[in-house]
Amino acid sequence: MRYDLVIFDNDGVLVDSEPLSNRHLAAYLTELGHPTTYEDSIRDYMGSAMHRVHDLIEERTGHRLPADFDDVFHARVFAAFEQELKPVPGVADVLEKLTADGVPYCVASSGSHERIRVGHRATGLDRFFDDSRIFSSQDVGRGKPAPDLFLHAAERMGTAPDRCVVVEDSPLGVQAAVAAGMDVYGFTAMTPAEKLTGVAGPFGDMRELLPLLTGGDRAEN
């Protein structure tokens, strides 16, 4: 293994939640009088913490979202998770292999702790992640694209940033990993490779990830 710690993003990397989440976010924002398409939501909010939604809406319209926006949105998304959420194809095999080989790994997500756990329970990935392996933007002052979350995860896992690799699928997450001084591999299932600038390598299928983590020379940070 080329790295001492593998840090996974959650939404879109471990659980196939981005289509569900962004569909509901676009619909709810539109319902509140802020017309938003699914494509708009993917472009503006994918990979970000909820405060970005509030900040962009207020910046663009001069109006704040309702105080209960997060609670209502999450209730809708969690209900969808329970009915429809699936793990990203192939990711359970990756986690099985890392576990079998004794390679440390964790998740560092812009989502809340509750969102991470709901998604993991719904998909069966909770068997791979106890509390010591779960880190959320709730744990730090600034979410992605700031490096704080990834640096926090590395510190808690006892690993130097330059010995970590991040698996991300959003431009904001890639920016955060690069800013943290970590290598990052870009999962292109939903985001074109050309939008994930700064990655050590793009890949479109989870079966391609383990060879990236184990072979060749480390990319320069």
Protein backbone atom coordinates (compact mmCIF):
# COMPACT_ATOMS: atom_id res chain seq x y z
CA MET A 1 0.00 0.00 0.00
CA ARG A 2 1.37 3.39 -1.04
CA TYR A 3 -0.41 5.24 1.78
CA ASP A 4 -0.82 4.93 5.53
CA LEU A 5 -4.45 6.11 5.57
CA VAL A 6 -7.27 6.08 3.01
CA ILE A 7 -9.86 8.82 3.58
CA PHE A 8 -13.18 8.34 1.79
CA ASP A 9 -15.72 11.00 1.04
CA ASN A 10 -19.18 9.62 1.78
CA ASP A 11 -21.89 10.87 -0.56
CA GLY A 12 -21.26 9.60 -4.07
CA VAL A 13 -18.17 7.62 -3.04
CA LEU A 14 -19.43 5.19 -0.38
CA VAL A 15 -23.19 5.61 -0.77
CA ASP A 16 -24.94 6.49 -4.02
CA SER A 17 -26.78 9.37 -2.41
CA GLU A 18 -26.03 12.33 -4.67
CA PRO A 19 -28.91 11.75 -7.12
CA LEU A 20 -31.43 11.35 -4.29
CA SER A 21 -30.10 14.23 -2.23
CA ASN A 22 -29.80 16.73 -5.06
CA ARG A 23 -33.20 15.83 -6.47
CA HIS A 24 -34.80 16.60 -3.11
CA LEU A 25 -32.70 19.72 -2.55
CA ALA A 26 -33.64 21.16 -5.94
CA ALA A 27 -37.31 20.40 -5.35
CA TYR A 28 -37.35 21.94 -1.87
CA LEU A 29 -35.52 25.11 -2.91
CA THR A 30 -37.93 25.50 -5.84
CA GLU A 31 -40.87 24.96 -3.50
CA LEU A 32 -39.57 27.81 -1.34
CA GLY A 33 -39.41 30.18 -4.31
CA HIS A 34 -35.79 29.66 -5.35
CA PRO A 35 -36.10 27.88 -8.72
CA THR A 36 -33.37 25.23 -8.85
CA THR A 37 -32.90 22.37 -11.27
CA TYR A 38 -31.26 19.08 -10.45
CA GLU A 39 -28.30 20.16 -12.59
CA ASP A 40 -28.08 23.46 -10.68
CA SER A 41 -27.97 21.58 -7.39
CA ILE A 42 -25.22 19.24 -8.58
CA ARG A 43 -23.17 22.18 -9.87
CA ASP A 44 -23.55 24.44 -6.84
CA TYR A 45 -23.90 22.17 -3.82
CA MET A 46 -22.51 18.69 -4.50
CA GLY A 47 -19.84 17.89 -1.94
CA SER A 48 -20.53 20.90 0.26
CA ALA A 49 -21.85 21.35 3.78
CA MET A 50 -25.36 22.72 4.33
CA HIS A 51 -24.09 26.17 5.23
CA ARG A 52 -23.13 26.65 1.57
CA VAL A 53 -26.78 26.28 0.55
CA HIS A 54 -27.78 28.97 3.03
CA ASP A 55 -24.90 31.24 2.05
CA LEU A 56 -25.48 31.04 -1.71
CA ILE A 57 -29.24 31.56 -1.48
CA GLU A 58 -28.80 34.62 0.74
CA GLU A 59 -26.01 35.97 -1.48
CA ARG A 60 -28.08 35.56 -4.65
CA THR A 61 -31.51 36.61 -3.38
CA GLY A 62 -30.99 38.65 -0.24
CA HIS A 63 -33.33 36.29 1.61
CA ARG A 64 -32.54 33.72 4.24
CA LEU A 65 -33.86 30.19 4.13
CA PRO A 66 -36.34 29.18 6.85
CA ALA A 67 -34.91 28.32 10.25
CA ASP A 68 -36.17 24.75 9.93
CA PHE A 69 -34.79 24.27 6.39
CA ASP A 70 -32.12 21.74 7.39
CA ASP A 71 -34.52 19.69 9.51
CA VAL A 72 -37.19 19.51 6.80
CA PHE A 73 -34.67 18.74 4.07
CA HIS A 74 -32.95 16.01 6.06
CA ALA A 75 -36.27 14.41 7.03
CA ARG A 76 -37.15 14.13 3.33
CA VAL A 77 -33.73 12.84 2.33
CA PHE A 78 -33.48 10.31 5.16
CA ALA A 79 -36.90 8.92 4.24
CA ALA A 80 -35.65 8.50 0.67
CA PHE A 81 -32.46 6.86 1.94
CA GLU A 82 -34.43 4.26 3.86
CA GLN A 83 -36.37 3.32 0.73
CA GLU A 84 -33.93 3.77 -2.14
CA LEU A 85 -30.29 4.23 -1.08
CA LYS A 86 -27.69 1.77 -2.34
CA PRO A 87 -23.94 1.51 -1.77
CA VAL A 88 -21.74 2.64 -4.63
CA PRO A 89 -21.18 -0.50 -6.73
CA GLY A 90 -17.93 -2.22 -5.79
CA VAL A 91 -17.12 -0.12 -2.73
CA ALA A 92 -17.91 -2.93 -0.26
CA ASP A 93 -15.27 -5.06 -2.00
CA VAL A 94 -12.73 -2.25 -1.60
CA LEU A 95 -13.51 -1.92 2.10
CA GLU A 96 -13.36 -5.70 2.58
CA LYS A 97 -9.90 -5.76 1.01
CA LEU A 98 -8.59 -2.82 3.06
CA THR A 99 -9.93 -4.46 6.23
CA ALA A 100 -8.39 -7.82 5.36
CA ASP A 101 -5.02 -6.19 4.63
CA GLY A 102 -5.10 -4.11 7.82
CA VAL A 103 -4.99 -0.79 5.93
CA PRO A 104 -6.37 2.09 8.03
CA TYR A 105 -9.29 3.96 6.47
CA CYS A 106 -12.00 6.40 7.52
CA VAL A 107 -14.74 8.62 6.12
CA ALA A 108 -14.62 12.44 6.12
CA SER A 109 -17.87 13.92 4.88
CA SER A 110 -19.51 17.31 4.48
CA GLY A 111 -22.68 15.65 5.72
CA SER A 112 -23.75 15.53 9.34
CA HIS A 113 -22.96 12.59 11.60
CA GLU A 114 -26.63 11.62 11.46
CA ARG A 115 -26.66 11.68 7.66
CA ILE A 116 -23.54 9.51 7.48
CA ARG A 117 -24.93 6.95 9.89
CA VAL A 118 -28.40 6.83 8.31
CA GLY A 119 -26.81 6.18 4.93
CA HIS A 120 -24.46 3.53 6.26
CA ARG A 121 -27.24 1.68 8.07
CA ALA A 122 -29.46 1.75 4.99
CA THR A 123 -26.72 0.29 2.79
CA GLY A 124 -25.08 -2.11 5.23
CA LEU A 125 -21.80 -0.18 5.20
CA ASP A 126 -22.10 0.47 8.93
CA ARG A 127 -20.23 -2.79 9.50
CA PHE A 128 -17.09 -1.12 8.19
CA PHE A 129 -17.31 2.17 10.12
CA ASP A 130 -17.41 2.47 13.88
CA ASP A 131 -17.45 5.89 15.52
CA SER A 132 -13.65 6.16 15.48
CA ARG A 133 -13.65 6.10 11.67
CA ILE A 134 -16.37 8.74 11.05
CA PHE A 135 -15.60 12.45 10.65
CA SER A 136 -18.06 15.16 9.65
CA SER A 137 -17.89 18.84 8.78
CA GLN A 138 -19.74 19.25 12.10
CA ASP A 139 -16.41 18.47 13.77
CA VAL A 140 -14.58 21.49 12.33
CA GLY A 141 -15.17 25.19 11.82
CA ARG A 142 -15.06 25.16 8.03
CA GLY A 143 -16.24 22.53 5.60
CA LYS A 144 -14.87 21.70 2.15
CA PRO A 145 -13.22 23.29 0.14
CA ALA A 146 -11.26 24.27 3.28
CA PRO A 147 -8.75 21.55 4.26
CA ASP A 148 -9.83 21.50 7.91
CA LEU A 149 -11.93 18.33 7.80
CA PHE A 150 -9.29 16.20 6.11
CA LEU A 151 -6.57 17.52 8.41
CA HIS A 152 -8.78 16.78 11.41
CA ALA A 153 -9.38 13.22 10.21
CA ALA A 154 -5.67 12.63 9.64
CA GLU A 155 -4.79 13.97 13.09
CA ARG A 156 -7.42 11.83 14.81
CA MET A 157 -6.23 8.78 12.89
CA GLY A 158 -2.61 9.51 13.82
CA THR A 159 -1.33 9.95 10.27
CA ALA A 160 0.73 12.71 8.65
CA PRO A 161 -1.16 14.47 5.82
CA ASP A 162 1.44 13.54 3.21
CA ARG A 163 0.88 9.86 4.00
CA CYS A 164 -2.88 10.11 3.38
CA VAL A 165 -4.87 9.62 0.20
CA VAL A 166 -8.39 10.94 -0.31
CA VAL A 167 -11.08 9.41 -2.52
CA GLU A 168 -13.41 12.19 -3.71
CA ASP A 169 -16.03 12.84 -6.36
CA SER A 170 -16.63 16.58 -6.15
CA PRO A 171 -14.54 19.61 -7.14
CA LEU A 172 -14.97 21.09 -3.64
CA GLY A 173 -13.69 17.89 -2.03
CA VAL A 174 -10.73 17.68 -4.38
CA GLN A 175 -9.82 21.30 -3.56
CA ALA A 176 -9.95 20.47 0.14
CA ALA A 177 -7.73 17.42 -0.21
CA VAL A 178 -5.16 19.26 -2.31
CA ALA A 179 -5.15 22.13 0.19
CA ALA A 180 -4.51 19.58 2.97
CA GLY A 181 -1.40 18.37 1.13
CA MET A 182 -2.86 14.96 0.40
CA ASP A 183 -2.98 12.92 -2.78
CA VAL A 184 -6.51 12.54 -4.11
CA TYR A 185 -8.12 10.20 -6.59
CA GLY A 186 -11.20 11.48 -8.37
CA PHE A 187 -14.22 9.21 -8.79
CA THR A 188 -15.88 10.24 -12.05
CA ALA A 189 -19.21 8.42 -11.82
CA MET A 190 -21.05 11.76 -11.61
CA THR A 191 -18.38 14.39 -12.22
CA PRO A 192 -16.38 14.64 -15.46
CA ALA A 193 -12.67 14.11 -14.94
CA GLU A 194 -11.85 17.56 -16.35
CA LYS A 195 -13.72 19.16 -13.43
CA LEU A 196 -11.63 17.31 -10.84
CA THR A 197 -8.46 19.30 -11.37
CA GLY A 198 -5.54 18.44 -9.11
CA VAL A 199 -6.23 14.73 -8.71
CA ALA A 200 -3.42 12.19 -8.86
CA GLY A 201 -5.67 10.19 -11.15
CA PRO A 202 -9.33 9.88 -12.14
CA PHE A 203 -11.23 6.59 -12.13
CA GLY A 204 -14.77 5.68 -13.08
CA ASP A 205 -15.26 2.27 -11.48
CA MET A 206 -14.51 1.22 -7.90
CA ARG A 207 -12.74 -1.87 -9.25
CA GLU A 208 -10.03 0.51 -10.48
CA LEU A 209 -9.33 2.03 -7.06
CA LEU A 210 -7.23 -0.64 -5.35
CA PRO A 211 -4.63 -0.74 -8.16
CA LEU A 212 -4.32 3.04 -7.90
CA LEU A 213 -3.70 2.77 -4.15
CA THR A 214 -1.09 0.05 -4.44
CA GLY A 215 0.92 0.63 -7.62
CA GLY A 216 3.30 3.14 -9.16
CA ASP A 217 4.95 6.22 -7.75
CA ARG A 218 3.23 8.65 -5.46
CA ALA A 219 2.05 11.81 -7.18
CA GLU A 220 3.68 15.08 -6.28
CA ASN A 221 1.64 17.32 -3.99
